[in-house]
């Protein structure tokens, strides 16, 4: 009887150990494929430009829109692979935007708002430290997904003019920002050295402080904190990278 009890206890312990080992063995092992080898330098980035012109255009409750404008952005970056499939680097960005509104009317029920001779010019810049980890898709040496952690500092300036009243009203803004985020993406090699990359901004925390001077007389400031835990399909970015 004692032998039977001892055998049952041993079987329970062995079974529990086996269940525990099976439960925590999730298969997340480091890939043996060096998708990007240690010592490799990568450099790349993206450039974007868009412009618009509206002549008596209507958009929902906004009527008689006459405006012009553009948006330009430049995003270069580099990375050094310190270990197979793992890299450290930096990313820079610069953007410039102009909007001129000659006339626009907003009509909601009996409320009419007129915008006339509005001018806004702004530019922003930032620098980021990045850590990137590549995960090959199967045994492929051409396709991989990656996760990129970013820690950044930035700033910007803006000039706003409003001339729809008897006198021109002017506002000057200066901003600083800090951010931390995770940016997943995918890379596909076109040939031995060139690759196409796209990414999606998904997780992040950003803090912004704006100082404002109105008509060189009145001052104000704004502080905002933003936490994002969702995928933004409008923030999908594409770029070209060179691996050396």
Foldseek 3Di string as FASTA:
>chain_A
DVVVVVVVVVVVVVVVVVVVVVVPPPPPDDDPDLLDAAFKKKKKWDKDKDKDADAQDDDVQKTRWGKIKMKIKTKIWMWGRHHRQKIKIKIKMKMKMKMFTQWMWGDDPPDIDIAHGKIKIKMKMKMKIKIKGWDCDPNDSFKTKMKMKIKMKMKMKMKIWGDPDPDIKIKIKIKIKIKIFMKIWMWGDPDDWKIKIKIWTAWMKMKMKMWMQIPVPDIDIDIDIDTGHGTDPVRMDMMMMTMD
